[in-house]
Amino acid sequence: MKQCLKCLGAIIEENDKSNYSGNVCTCQPFNWKTDIGDIGCINKPIKEQYILEATTLPEMTTIGKKFDQNKIDWSLLPIEPTEEVIKVLMYGANKYAPDNWKHVEDHERRYYNAIMRHISAWKKGEKTDQETGISHLAHAVCSLLFILGRENEDVEK
């Protein structure tokens, strides 16, 4: 028996299908006819590049596997400071409009100035913005995110 590298399900061949009936996967019906012939994966139809040539499947264990090594690790983002930034975003959405920052003209200069005003006030000992009562640093982070967001949008175009 072989194993599918894409979903790690067992691959069964045409002559083995008598052991299975109807839908053998919870996500979709089993498909015997794939683009590589009469072979299918228990979980999903597969492509040839995902087949692992092996004579046996790995032993089942009580420890699950999850291949997420190259995915963004959101657990590294500190929650409490992020909540302060979100409070600034909510205040701005209420004062102007949600996502208004995407439409501000001359955004880089204007948000840079806002960053520097908030950093300067913080550096002088004023921890919170007088208008919002929220941290000057959270306001500066928002402005940095706005510049970065617009920069990323420009790269994508």
C-alpha atoms as a PDB file:
ATOM      1  CA  MET A   1       0.000   0.000   0.000  1.00  0.00           C
ATOM      2  CA  LYS A   2       1.164   3.556  -0.731  1.00  0.00           C
ATOM      3  CA  GLN A   3       0.478   6.873   0.981  1.00  0.00           C
ATOM      4  CA  CYS A   4      -0.663  10.213  -0.362  1.00  0.00           C
ATOM      5  CA  LEU A   5       1.793  12.989   0.600  1.00  0.00           C
ATOM      6  CA  LYS A   6      -0.865  15.679   0.192  1.00  0.00           C
ATOM      7  CA  CYS A   7      -3.367  14.489   2.789  1.00  0.00           C
ATOM      8  CA  LEU A   8      -1.437  11.502   4.216  1.00  0.00           C
ATOM      9  CA  GLY A   9      -4.359   9.191   3.493  1.00  0.00           C
ATOM     10  CA  ALA A  10      -3.952   5.630   2.320  1.00  0.00           C
ATOM     11  CA  ILE A  11      -4.024   5.022  -1.401  1.00  0.00           C
ATOM     12  CA  ILE A  12      -5.935   1.972  -2.506  1.00  0.00           C
ATOM     13  CA  GLU A  13      -5.799   0.418  -5.922  1.00  0.00           C
ATOM     14  CA  GLU A  14      -8.630  -0.747  -8.137  1.00  0.00           C
ATOM     15  CA  ASN A  15      -8.333  -4.380  -7.037  1.00  0.00           C
ATOM     16  CA  ASP A  16      -8.583  -3.351  -3.353  1.00  0.00           C
ATOM     17  CA  LYS A  17     -11.776  -1.330  -3.693  1.00  0.00           C
ATOM     18  CA  SER A  18     -13.962  -4.253  -2.690  1.00  0.00           C
ATOM     19  CA  ASN A  19     -12.928  -3.529   0.897  1.00  0.00           C
ATOM     20  CA  TYR A  20     -14.567  -0.109   0.670  1.00  0.00           C
ATOM     21  CA  SER A  21     -18.108   0.818  -0.217  1.00  0.00           C
ATOM     22  CA  GLY A  22     -19.818   4.106  -0.950  1.00  0.00           C
ATOM     23  CA  ASN A  23     -18.193   7.203   0.452  1.00  0.00           C
ATOM     24  CA  VAL A  24     -14.969   6.367   2.247  1.00  0.00           C
ATOM     25  CA  CYS A  25     -14.139   9.974   3.053  1.00  0.00           C
ATOM     26  CA  THR A  26     -16.145  12.476   5.057  1.00  0.00           C
ATOM     27  CA  CYS A  27     -15.114  15.372   2.814  1.00  0.00           C
ATOM     28  CA  GLN A  28     -16.149  13.975  -0.586  1.00  0.00           C
ATOM     29  CA  PRO A  29     -17.112  10.752  -2.382  1.00  0.00           C
ATOM     30  CA  PHE A  30     -14.301   8.401  -3.250  1.00  0.00           C
ATOM     31  CA  ASN A  31     -13.066   8.812  -6.814  1.00  0.00           C
ATOM     32  CA  TRP A  32     -11.532   5.808  -8.543  1.00  0.00           C
ATOM     33  CA  LYS A  33     -10.895   7.547 -11.846  1.00  0.00           C
ATOM     34  CA  THR A  34      -8.178  10.167 -11.360  1.00  0.00           C
ATOM     35  CA  ASP A  35      -5.808  11.799 -13.783  1.00  0.00           C
ATOM     36  CA  ILE A  36      -3.299   8.982 -13.191  1.00  0.00           C
ATOM     37  CA  GLY A  37      -5.659   6.084 -13.786  1.00  0.00           C
ATOM     38  CA  ASP A  38      -7.495   3.610 -11.629  1.00  0.00           C
ATOM     39  CA  ILE A  39      -6.062   4.656  -8.312  1.00  0.00           C
ATOM     40  CA  GLY A  40      -7.520   6.837  -5.618  1.00  0.00           C
ATOM     41  CA  CYS A  41      -6.811   8.205  -2.208  1.00  0.00           C
ATOM     42  CA  ILE A  42      -9.102   7.348   0.666  1.00  0.00           C
ATOM     43  CA  ASN A  43      -9.432  11.053   1.498  1.00  0.00           C
ATOM     44  CA  LYS A  44      -9.254  12.831  -1.860  1.00  0.00           C
ATOM     45  CA  PRO A  45      -8.394  12.192  -5.484  1.00  0.00           C
ATOM     46  CA  ILE A  46      -4.677  12.697  -5.891  1.00  0.00           C
ATOM     47  CA  LYS A  47      -2.085  13.702  -8.424  1.00  0.00           C
ATOM     48  CA  GLU A  48       0.978  11.623  -9.173  1.00  0.00           C
ATOM     49  CA  GLN A  49       3.425  14.035  -7.505  1.00  0.00           C
ATOM     50  CA  TYR A  50       1.783  13.424  -4.130  1.00  0.00           C
ATOM     51  CA  ILE A  51       2.258   9.654  -4.061  1.00  0.00           C
ATOM     52  CA  LEU A  52       4.832   8.398  -1.595  1.00  0.00           C
ATOM     53  CA  GLU A  53       6.383   5.184  -2.816  1.00  0.00           C
ATOM     54  CA  ALA A  54       6.292   2.970   0.244  1.00  0.00           C
ATOM     55  CA  THR A  55       5.312  -0.542   1.013  1.00  0.00           C
ATOM     56  CA  THR A  56       3.627   0.220   4.322  1.00  0.00           C
ATOM     57  CA  LEU A  57       1.841   3.131   5.901  1.00  0.00           C
ATOM     58  CA  PRO A  58       3.239   4.766   9.049  1.00  0.00           C
ATOM     59  CA  GLU A  59       1.976   3.337  12.309  1.00  0.00           C
ATOM     60  CA  MET A  60      -1.042   5.134  13.753  1.00  0.00           C
ATOM     61  CA  THR A  61      -0.276   6.845  17.051  1.00  0.00           C
ATOM     62  CA  THR A  62      -2.217   8.836  19.592  1.00  0.00           C
ATOM     63  CA  ILE A  63      -0.039  11.846  18.764  1.00  0.00           C
ATOM     64  CA  GLY A  64      -1.483  13.819  15.865  1.00  0.00           C
ATOM     65  CA  LYS A  65       0.559  15.463  13.136  1.00  0.00           C
ATOM     66  CA  LYS A  66       0.094  18.945  11.751  1.00  0.00           C
ATOM     67  CA  PHE A  67       2.428  20.285   9.091  1.00  0.00           C
ATOM     68  CA  ASP A  68       2.386  24.004   9.854  1.00  0.00           C
ATOM     69  CA  GLN A  69       6.107  24.775  10.150  1.00  0.00           C
ATOM     70  CA  ASN A  70       6.107  27.342   7.337  1.00  0.00           C
ATOM     71  CA  LYS A  71       2.854  29.041   8.292  1.00  0.00           C
ATOM     72  CA  ILE A  72       2.533  32.312  10.176  1.00  0.00           C
ATOM     73  CA  ASP A  73       2.758  31.783  13.933  1.00  0.00           C
ATOM     74  CA  TRP A  74       0.087  34.108  15.297  1.00  0.00           C
ATOM     75  CA  SER A  75       0.896  33.013  18.855  1.00  0.00           C
ATOM     76  CA  LEU A  76       3.979  35.255  18.700  1.00  0.00           C
ATOM     77  CA  LEU A  77       1.807  38.367  18.501  1.00  0.00           C
ATOM     78  CA  PRO A  78       1.300  39.776  22.026  1.00  0.00           C
ATOM     79  CA  ILE A  79      -2.442  40.008  22.703  1.00  0.00           C
ATOM     80  CA  GLU A  80      -2.644  42.921  25.171  1.00  0.00           C
ATOM     81  CA  PRO A  81      -0.725  45.479  23.075  1.00  0.00           C
ATOM     82  CA  THR A  82      -2.579  44.284  19.980  1.00  0.00           C
ATOM     83  CA  GLU A  83      -5.875  44.991  21.737  1.00  0.00           C
ATOM     84  CA  GLU A  84      -4.720  48.586  22.303  1.00  0.00           C
ATOM     85  CA  VAL A  85      -4.037  48.927  18.580  1.00  0.00           C
ATOM     86  CA  ILE A  86      -7.476  47.510  17.802  1.00  0.00           C
ATOM     87  CA  LYS A  87      -9.032  50.076  20.150  1.00  0.00           C
ATOM     88  CA  VAL A  88      -7.381  52.822  18.069  1.00  0.00           C
ATOM     89  CA  LEU A  89      -8.700  51.193  14.874  1.00  0.00           C
ATOM     90  CA  MET A  90     -12.211  51.036  16.353  1.00  0.00           C
ATOM     91  CA  TYR A  91     -12.044  54.661  17.446  1.00  0.00           C
ATOM     92  CA  GLY A  92     -10.945  55.697  13.943  1.00  0.00           C
ATOM     93  CA  ALA A  93     -13.613  53.569  12.264  1.00  0.00           C
ATOM     94  CA  ASN A  94     -16.245  55.273  14.411  1.00  0.00           C
ATOM     95  CA  LYS A  95     -14.834  58.779  13.897  1.00  0.00           C
ATOM     96  CA  TYR A  96     -14.155  58.540  10.131  1.00  0.00           C
ATOM     97  CA  ALA A  97     -15.290  55.231   8.590  1.00  0.00           C
ATOM     98  CA  PRO A  98     -14.056  51.638   8.582  1.00  0.00           C
ATOM     99  CA  ASP A  99     -10.953  51.363   6.383  1.00  0.00           C
ATOM    100  CA  ASN A 100     -10.878  55.133   5.787  1.00  0.00           C
ATOM    101  CA  TRP A 101      -7.085  54.965   6.025  1.00  0.00           C
ATOM    102  CA  LYS A 102      -7.005  53.232   2.632  1.00  0.00           C
ATOM    103  CA  HIS A 103      -8.282  56.405   0.958  1.00  0.00           C
ATOM    104  CA  VAL A 104      -6.200  59.134   2.628  1.00  0.00           C
ATOM    105  CA  GLU A 105      -4.291  61.195   0.067  1.00  0.00           C
ATOM    106  CA  ASP A 106      -0.560  61.748   0.560  1.00  0.00           C
ATOM    107  CA  HIS A 107      -0.827  58.970   3.135  1.00  0.00           C
ATOM    108  CA  GLU A 108       2.867  58.288   3.632  1.00  0.00           C
ATOM    109  CA  ARG A 109       3.734  61.861   4.647  1.00  0.00           C
ATOM    110  CA  ARG A 110       0.603  62.321   6.735  1.00  0.00           C
ATOM    111  CA  TYR A 111       0.890  59.027   8.626  1.00  0.00           C
ATOM    112  CA  TYR A 112       4.638  59.561   9.133  1.00  0.00           C
ATOM    113  CA  ASN A 113       3.800  62.916  10.753  1.00  0.00           C
ATOM    114  CA  ALA A 114       1.168  61.240  12.926  1.00  0.00           C
ATOM    115  CA  ILE A 115       3.686  58.592  13.992  1.00  0.00           C
ATOM    116  CA  MET A 116       6.209  61.223  14.969  1.00  0.00           C
ATOM    117  CA  ARG A 117       3.636  63.304  16.883  1.00  0.00           C
ATOM    118  CA  HIS A 118       2.602  60.255  18.923  1.00  0.00           C
ATOM    119  CA  ILE A 119       6.178  59.092  19.520  1.00  0.00           C
ATOM    120  CA  SER A 120       7.219  62.614  20.509  1.00  0.00           C
ATOM    121  CA  ALA A 121       4.337  62.951  22.983  1.00  0.00           C
ATOM    122  CA  TRP A 122       5.171  59.530  24.443  1.00  0.00           C
ATOM    123  CA  LYS A 123       8.866  60.403  24.693  1.00  0.00           C
ATOM    124  CA  LYS A 124       7.957  63.583  26.604  1.00  0.00           C
ATOM    125  CA  GLY A 125       6.086  61.465  29.156  1.00  0.00           C
ATOM    126  CA  GLU A 126       2.507  61.650  27.879  1.00  0.00           C
ATOM    127  CA  LYS A 127       1.495  57.992  27.799  1.00  0.00           C
ATOM    128  CA  THR A 128      -2.028  58.337  26.396  1.00  0.00           C
ATOM    129  CA  ASP A 129      -3.575  60.446  23.661  1.00  0.00           C
ATOM    130  CA  GLN A 130      -5.739  63.215  25.159  1.00  0.00           C
ATOM    131  CA  GLU A 131      -8.570  62.761  22.645  1.00  0.00           C
ATOM    132  CA  THR A 132      -8.893  58.972  22.822  1.00  0.00           C
ATOM    133  CA  GLY A 133      -7.341  58.018  26.151  1.00  0.00           C
ATOM    134  CA  ILE A 134      -5.480  55.255  24.282  1.00  0.00           C
ATOM    135  CA  SER A 135      -1.707  54.778  24.265  1.00  0.00           C
ATOM    136  CA  HIS A 136       0.301  57.045  21.982  1.00  0.00           C
ATOM    137  CA  LEU A 137       2.349  53.983  21.035  1.00  0.00           C
ATOM    138  CA  ALA A 138      -0.808  52.175  19.884  1.00  0.00           C
ATOM    139  CA  HIS A 139      -1.641  55.185  17.707  1.00  0.00           C
ATOM    140  CA  ALA A 140       1.887  55.122  16.239  1.00  0.00           C
ATOM    141  CA  VAL A 141       1.591  51.388  15.520  1.00  0.00           C
ATOM    142  CA  CYS A 142      -1.695  52.010  13.692  1.00  0.00           C
ATOM    143  CA  SER A 143      -0.084  54.632  11.498  1.00  0.00           C
ATOM    144  CA  LEU A 144       2.816  52.278  10.758  1.00  0.00           C
ATOM    145  CA  LEU A 145       0.321  49.563   9.818  1.00  0.00           C
ATOM    146  CA  PHE A 146      -1.479  51.988   7.519  1.00  0.00           C
ATOM    147  CA  ILE A 147       1.754  52.842   5.701  1.00  0.00           C
ATOM    148  CA  LEU A 148       2.705  49.163   5.475  1.00  0.00           C
ATOM    149  CA  GLY A 149      -0.772  48.201   4.310  1.00  0.00           C
ATOM    150  CA  ARG A 150      -0.749  50.769   1.529  1.00  0.00           C
ATOM    151  CA  GLU A 151       2.803  49.794   0.567  1.00  0.00           C
ATOM    152  CA  ASN A 152       1.756  46.131   0.298  1.00  0.00           C
ATOM    153  CA  GLU A 153      -1.263  47.102  -1.811  1.00  0.00           C
ATOM    154  CA  ASP A 154       1.010  49.045  -4.176  1.00  0.00           C
ATOM    155  CA  VAL A 155       3.338  46.022  -4.521  1.00  0.00           C
ATOM    156  CA  GLU A 156       0.384  43.737  -5.329  1.00  0.00           C
ATOM    157  CA  LYS A 157      -0.832  45.999  -8.166  1.00  0.00           C
END
